[in-house]
Amino acid sequence: MRRALLSLASLGLLILAAVRIPPAPAGQGAVPFSKPGQEDLTFWANHNGLEQLDVEGEVGFGDMARILLRRRSNSESIRALRDRFTFRVHEMTALQTPDVFRAKIMADGMIWLNQPG
């Protein structure tokens, strides 16, 4: 009798949990901010070393940030844009590391704002 009551109570709690807890959204909650087809670009190292990145076409903010994160010297400036697993900012102009070329186009020509050596 006691086992039957415990089983019924457990079943009732499971049903209550299934009804009360909303389902998780499908897929990953983090948005990669990558261009379609380039979501798998990575800066992770594995036992074979860093993966080679072959980017074809336009890159998104997430792509460029992950490429820049491959250099440890860029980690502090990019860490300020991150929120644990995602990026708080996703404007390309926010990526200001020493190895990013920056130029200002004016009517009479171009001025380098940052020209890595």
N, C-alpha and C. Protein backbone atom coordinates (compact mmCIF):
# COMPACT_ATOMS: atom_id res chain seq x y z
N MET A 1 0.82 -1.19 0.00
CA MET A 1 0.00 0.00 0.00
C MET A 1 0.87 1.27 0.00
N ARG A 2 1.90 1.24 0.85
CA ARG A 2 2.79 2.40 0.97
C ARG A 2 3.51 2.65 -0.36
N ARG A 3 3.97 1.60 -1.02
CA ARG A 3 4.65 1.74 -2.31
C ARG A 3 3.72 2.32 -3.36
N ALA A 4 2.51 1.91 -3.35
CA ALA A 4 1.54 2.41 -4.33
C ALA A 4 1.29 3.91 -4.12
N LEU A 5 1.17 4.34 -2.86
CA LEU A 5 0.98 5.76 -2.58
C LEU A 5 2.20 6.58 -2.99
N LEU A 6 3.40 6.07 -2.70
CA LEU A 6 4.61 6.77 -3.10
C LEU A 6 4.72 6.85 -4.63
N SER A 7 4.37 5.77 -5.29
CA SER A 7 4.41 5.76 -6.76
C SER A 7 3.42 6.77 -7.33
N LEU A 8 2.22 6.83 -6.79
CA LEU A 8 1.22 7.78 -7.25
C LEU A 8 1.65 9.22 -6.97
N ALA A 9 2.24 9.45 -5.81
CA ALA A 9 2.70 10.80 -5.47
C ALA A 9 3.83 11.21 -6.40
N SER A 10 4.75 10.31 -6.68
CA SER A 10 5.85 10.60 -7.61
C SER A 10 5.33 10.89 -9.00
N LEU A 11 4.38 10.10 -9.46
CA LEU A 11 3.78 10.30 -10.78
C LEU A 11 3.05 11.65 -10.83
N GLY A 12 2.36 11.98 -9.75
CA GLY A 12 1.67 13.27 -9.69
C GLY A 12 2.65 14.45 -9.75
N LEU A 13 3.76 14.33 -9.04
CA LEU A 13 4.77 15.39 -9.07
C LEU A 13 5.41 15.52 -10.45
N LEU A 14 5.65 14.41 -11.12
CA LEU A 14 6.19 14.45 -12.49
C LEU A 14 5.21 15.12 -13.45
N ILE A 15 3.95 14.80 -13.33
CA ILE A 15 2.93 15.42 -14.19
C ILE A 15 2.84 16.92 -13.89
N LEU A 16 2.88 17.28 -12.61
CA LEU A 16 2.84 18.70 -12.23
C LEU A 16 4.06 19.44 -12.80
N ALA A 17 5.23 18.82 -12.72
CA ALA A 17 6.44 19.45 -13.25
C ALA A 17 6.35 19.61 -14.77
N ALA A 18 5.80 18.62 -15.44
CA ALA A 18 5.67 18.69 -16.90
C ALA A 18 4.70 19.79 -17.32
N VAL A 19 3.68 20.03 -16.52
CA VAL A 19 2.69 21.05 -16.84
C VAL A 19 3.19 22.44 -16.47
N ARG A 20 3.87 22.57 -15.33
CA ARG A 20 4.26 23.89 -14.82
C ARG A 20 5.55 24.45 -15.42
N ILE A 21 6.51 23.59 -15.78
CA ILE A 21 7.79 24.04 -16.29
C ILE A 21 7.67 24.23 -17.80
N PRO A 22 7.92 25.44 -18.30
CA PRO A 22 7.79 25.66 -19.75
C PRO A 22 8.90 24.92 -20.50
N PRO A 23 8.61 24.49 -21.71
CA PRO A 23 9.63 23.78 -22.50
C PRO A 23 10.74 24.73 -22.91
N ALA A 24 11.95 24.20 -22.96
CA ALA A 24 13.09 25.01 -23.39
C ALA A 24 12.98 25.26 -24.90
N PRO A 25 13.41 26.43 -25.35
CA PRO A 25 13.38 26.68 -26.79
C PRO A 25 14.31 25.72 -27.52
N ALA A 26 13.95 25.39 -28.72
CA ALA A 26 14.74 24.45 -29.50
C ALA A 26 16.08 25.06 -29.87
N GLY A 27 17.11 24.24 -29.85
CA GLY A 27 18.43 24.70 -30.28
C GLY A 27 19.15 25.46 -29.19
N GLN A 28 20.25 26.05 -29.55
CA GLN A 28 21.08 26.79 -28.62
C GLN A 28 20.50 28.17 -28.38
N GLY A 29 20.58 28.64 -27.16
CA GLY A 29 20.04 29.95 -26.83
C GLY A 29 20.94 31.10 -27.25
N ALA A 30 22.24 30.83 -27.41
CA ALA A 30 23.18 31.88 -27.79
C ALA A 30 23.11 32.12 -29.30
N VAL A 31 23.13 33.37 -29.70
CA VAL A 31 23.09 33.74 -31.11
C VAL A 31 24.53 33.95 -31.58
N PRO A 32 24.98 33.29 -32.66
CA PRO A 32 26.37 33.39 -33.05
C PRO A 32 26.76 34.69 -33.74
N PHE A 33 25.81 35.46 -34.26
CA PHE A 33 26.09 36.67 -35.03
C PHE A 33 27.05 36.38 -36.19
N SER A 34 26.88 35.23 -36.80
CA SER A 34 27.68 34.83 -37.95
C SER A 34 26.84 34.93 -39.20
N LYS A 35 27.51 35.01 -40.32
CA LYS A 35 26.81 34.96 -41.60
C LYS A 35 26.40 33.52 -41.85
N PRO A 36 25.30 33.29 -42.57
CA PRO A 36 24.85 31.92 -42.83
C PRO A 36 25.95 31.07 -43.47
N GLY A 37 26.10 29.86 -42.95
CA GLY A 37 27.10 28.95 -43.46
C GLY A 37 28.44 29.06 -42.77
N GLN A 38 28.63 30.05 -41.89
CA GLN A 38 29.92 30.23 -41.24
C GLN A 38 29.80 30.12 -39.72
N GLU A 39 28.74 29.47 -39.24
CA GLU A 39 28.51 29.36 -37.82
C GLU A 39 29.53 28.46 -37.13
N ASP A 40 30.24 27.65 -37.89
CA ASP A 40 31.16 26.70 -37.29
C ASP A 40 32.59 27.23 -37.16
N LEU A 41 32.83 28.51 -37.48
CA LEU A 41 34.16 29.07 -37.27
C LEU A 41 34.47 29.03 -35.79
N THR A 42 35.70 28.72 -35.46
CA THR A 42 36.02 28.51 -34.06
C THR A 42 37.38 29.07 -33.71
N PHE A 43 37.59 29.35 -32.45
CA PHE A 43 38.90 29.71 -31.97
C PHE A 43 39.41 28.66 -30.99
N TRP A 44 38.67 27.56 -30.83
CA TRP A 44 39.05 26.53 -29.87
C TRP A 44 40.24 25.74 -30.38
N ALA A 45 41.11 25.36 -29.49
CA ALA A 45 42.24 24.50 -29.83
C ALA A 45 41.89 23.07 -29.47
N ASN A 46 42.34 22.14 -30.26
CA ASN A 46 42.16 20.73 -29.93
C ASN A 46 43.54 20.08 -29.87
N HIS A 47 43.60 18.76 -29.79
CA HIS A 47 44.90 18.09 -29.65
C HIS A 47 45.76 18.22 -30.91
N ASN A 48 45.18 18.65 -32.01
CA ASN A 48 45.94 18.87 -33.24
C ASN A 48 46.33 20.34 -33.41
N GLY A 49 46.05 21.18 -32.44
CA GLY A 49 46.35 22.60 -32.55
C GLY A 49 45.12 23.39 -32.97
N LEU A 50 45.32 24.64 -33.37
CA LEU A 50 44.21 25.47 -33.81
C LEU A 50 43.73 25.03 -35.18
N GLU A 51 42.44 25.09 -35.37
CA GLU A 51 41.87 24.76 -36.67
C GLU A 51 42.15 25.89 -37.65
N GLN A 52 42.34 25.54 -38.90
CA GLN A 52 42.54 26.54 -39.94
C GLN A 52 41.20 27.15 -40.30
N LEU A 53 41.16 28.45 -40.47
CA LEU A 53 39.93 29.13 -40.83
C LEU A 53 40.01 29.59 -42.27
N ASP A 54 39.09 29.14 -43.07
CA ASP A 54 38.99 29.58 -44.46
C ASP A 54 37.66 30.30 -44.61
N VAL A 55 37.70 31.61 -44.59
CA VAL A 55 36.48 32.41 -44.67
C VAL A 55 36.30 32.84 -46.12
N GLU A 56 35.14 32.57 -46.65
CA GLU A 56 34.82 32.99 -48.01
C GLU A 56 33.67 33.98 -47.94
N GLY A 57 33.87 35.14 -48.51
CA GLY A 57 32.81 36.15 -48.55
C GLY A 57 32.79 37.01 -47.31
N GLU A 58 31.66 37.65 -47.11
CA GLU A 58 31.48 38.59 -46.01
C GLU A 58 31.43 37.85 -44.67
N VAL A 59 31.99 38.45 -43.65
CA VAL A 59 31.94 37.85 -42.32
C VAL A 59 31.05 38.70 -41.42
N GLY A 60 30.45 38.07 -40.45
CA GLY A 60 29.62 38.77 -39.48
C GLY A 60 30.44 39.14 -38.25
N PHE A 61 29.80 39.80 -37.32
CA PHE A 61 30.48 40.24 -36.10
C PHE A 61 31.04 39.05 -35.34
N GLY A 62 30.23 38.03 -35.15
CA GLY A 62 30.68 36.86 -34.40
C GLY A 62 31.86 36.18 -35.05
N ASP A 63 31.85 36.09 -36.39
CA ASP A 63 32.97 35.49 -37.10
C ASP A 63 34.25 36.27 -36.84
N MET A 64 34.19 37.57 -37.01
CA MET A 64 35.38 38.40 -36.85
C MET A 64 35.87 38.38 -35.40
N ALA A 65 34.95 38.43 -34.44
CA ALA A 65 35.35 38.41 -33.03
C ALA A 65 36.04 37.09 -32.69
N ARG A 66 35.51 35.98 -33.18
CA ARG A 66 36.14 34.69 -32.89
C ARG A 66 37.50 34.57 -33.57
N ILE A 67 37.65 35.14 -34.75
CA ILE A 67 38.95 35.13 -35.41
C ILE A 67 39.95 35.96 -34.61
N LEU A 68 39.52 37.13 -34.14
CA LEU A 68 40.41 37.98 -33.35
C LEU A 68 40.74 37.37 -31.99
N LEU A 69 39.84 36.56 -31.46
CA LEU A 69 40.09 35.91 -30.17
C LEU A 69 41.17 34.83 -30.26
N ARG A 70 41.56 34.45 -31.44
CA ARG A 70 42.63 33.46 -31.59
C ARG A 70 43.96 34.00 -31.07
N ARG A 71 44.11 35.31 -31.01
CA ARG A 71 45.34 35.92 -30.49
C ARG A 71 45.12 36.32 -29.04
N ARG A 72 45.96 35.86 -28.18
CA ARG A 72 45.81 36.17 -26.75
C ARG A 72 45.91 37.66 -26.48
N SER A 73 46.65 38.37 -27.29
CA SER A 73 46.79 39.82 -27.06
C SER A 73 45.46 40.56 -27.27
N ASN A 74 44.53 39.96 -27.98
CA ASN A 74 43.22 40.58 -28.22
C ASN A 74 42.19 40.23 -27.15
N SER A 75 42.52 39.31 -26.26
CA SER A 75 41.50 38.78 -25.35
C SER A 75 40.91 39.85 -24.43
N GLU A 76 41.72 40.76 -23.91
CA GLU A 76 41.19 41.77 -22.99
C GLU A 76 40.21 42.71 -23.67
N SER A 77 40.54 43.16 -24.88
CA SER A 77 39.64 44.10 -25.56
C SER A 77 38.35 43.42 -26.01
N ILE A 78 38.40 42.14 -26.35
CA ILE A 78 37.19 41.43 -26.78
C ILE A 78 36.40 40.96 -25.57
N ARG A 79 37.08 40.66 -24.48
CA ARG A 79 36.38 40.21 -23.26
C ARG A 79 35.41 41.28 -22.77
N ALA A 80 35.74 42.54 -22.99
CA ALA A 80 34.84 43.63 -22.57
C ALA A 80 33.54 43.62 -23.36
N LEU A 81 33.52 43.00 -24.52
CA LEU A 81 32.30 42.93 -25.35
C LEU A 81 31.47 41.70 -25.06
N ARG A 82 32.02 40.75 -24.32
CA ARG A 82 31.35 39.47 -24.11
C ARG A 82 30.54 39.44 -22.82
N ASP A 83 29.57 38.55 -22.81
CA ASP A 83 28.78 38.26 -21.62
C ASP A 83 28.77 36.74 -21.47
N ARG A 84 29.75 36.22 -20.85
CA ARG A 84 30.00 34.79 -20.66
C ARG A 84 30.05 34.02 -21.96
N PHE A 85 28.93 33.62 -22.55
CA PHE A 85 28.94 32.82 -23.77
C PHE A 85 28.54 33.60 -25.02
N THR A 86 27.99 34.77 -24.84
CA THR A 86 27.51 35.54 -25.99
C THR A 86 28.17 36.92 -25.99
N PHE A 87 27.92 37.67 -27.03
CA PHE A 87 28.44 39.02 -27.13
C PHE A 87 27.34 40.00 -26.76
N ARG A 88 27.63 40.93 -25.83
CA ARG A 88 26.66 41.97 -25.47
C ARG A 88 26.52 42.97 -26.60
N VAL A 89 27.61 43.21 -27.30
CA VAL A 89 27.66 44.16 -28.40
C VAL A 89 27.85 43.36 -29.68
N HIS A 90 27.23 43.79 -30.76
CA HIS A 90 27.48 43.10 -32.03
C HIS A 90 27.61 44.08 -33.18
N GLU A 91 28.21 45.21 -32.88
CA GLU A 91 28.53 46.20 -33.90
C GLU A 91 29.98 46.00 -34.32
N MET A 92 30.22 45.92 -35.62
CA MET A 92 31.57 45.67 -36.12
C MET A 92 32.54 46.77 -35.67
N THR A 93 32.06 47.99 -35.49
CA THR A 93 32.94 49.09 -35.07
C THR A 93 33.43 48.92 -33.63
N ALA A 94 32.78 48.05 -32.86
CA ALA A 94 33.20 47.84 -31.47
C ALA A 94 34.47 47.00 -31.38
N LEU A 95 34.83 46.32 -32.45
CA LEU A 95 36.04 45.50 -32.46
C LEU A 95 37.25 46.41 -32.68
N GLN A 96 37.88 46.80 -31.59
CA GLN A 96 39.03 47.69 -31.67
C GLN A 96 40.21 47.01 -31.00
N THR A 97 40.94 46.23 -31.77
CA THR A 97 42.14 45.57 -31.29
C THR A 97 43.33 46.13 -32.06
N PRO A 98 44.54 45.93 -31.57
CA PRO A 98 45.71 46.47 -32.25
C PRO A 98 45.91 45.95 -33.67
N ASP A 99 45.38 44.77 -33.98
CA ASP A 99 45.60 44.20 -35.31
C ASP A 99 44.41 44.36 -36.26
N VAL A 100 43.49 45.26 -35.96
CA VAL A 100 42.38 45.56 -36.87
C VAL A 100 42.69 46.85 -37.61
N PHE A 101 42.68 46.78 -38.92
CA PHE A 101 42.90 47.97 -39.74
C PHE A 101 41.66 48.87 -39.63
N ARG A 102 41.87 50.16 -39.43
CA ARG A 102 40.78 51.13 -39.41
C ARG A 102 41.16 52.29 -40.29
N ALA A 103 40.23 52.68 -41.14
CA ALA A 103 40.48 53.81 -42.03
C ALA A 103 39.21 54.65 -42.11
N LYS A 104 39.41 55.94 -42.32
CA LYS A 104 38.28 56.85 -42.49
C LYS A 104 38.36 57.37 -43.92
N ILE A 105 37.27 57.17 -44.66
CA ILE A 105 37.21 57.61 -46.04
C ILE A 105 36.62 59.01 -46.07
N MET A 106 37.34 59.94 -46.67
CA MET A 106 36.89 61.33 -46.77
C MET A 106 36.86 61.72 -48.25
N ALA A 107 36.31 62.86 -48.55
CA ALA A 107 36.19 63.31 -49.94
C ALA A 107 37.55 63.48 -50.61
N ASP A 108 38.54 63.92 -49.84
CA ASP A 108 39.87 64.15 -50.43
C ASP A 108 40.83 62.96 -50.25
N GLY A 109 40.35 61.84 -49.74
CA GLY A 109 41.21 60.66 -49.62
C GLY A 109 40.90 59.86 -48.37
N MET A 110 41.85 59.04 -48.00
CA MET A 110 41.67 58.11 -46.87
C MET A 110 42.69 58.45 -45.78
N ILE A 111 42.24 58.35 -44.54
CA ILE A 111 43.13 58.57 -43.39
C ILE A 111 43.14 57.28 -42.57
N TRP A 112 44.33 56.78 -42.25
CA TRP A 112 44.44 55.58 -41.42
C TRP A 112 44.22 55.96 -39.96
N LEU A 113 43.25 55.30 -39.33
CA LEU A 113 43.03 55.47 -37.90
C LEU A 113 43.85 54.46 -37.12
N ASN A 114 44.01 53.28 -37.67
CA ASN A 114 44.85 52.25 -37.08
C ASN A 114 45.40 51.41 -38.23
N GLN A 115 46.69 51.40 -38.35
CA GLN A 115 47.35 50.64 -39.40
C GLN A 115 48.40 49.76 -38.74
N PRO A 116 48.06 48.49 -38.51
CA PRO A 116 49.01 47.59 -37.85
C PRO A 116 50.32 47.51 -38.63
N GLY A 117 51.40 47.38 -37.88
CA GLY A 117 52.73 47.35 -38.49
C GLY A 117 53.19 46.00 -38.88
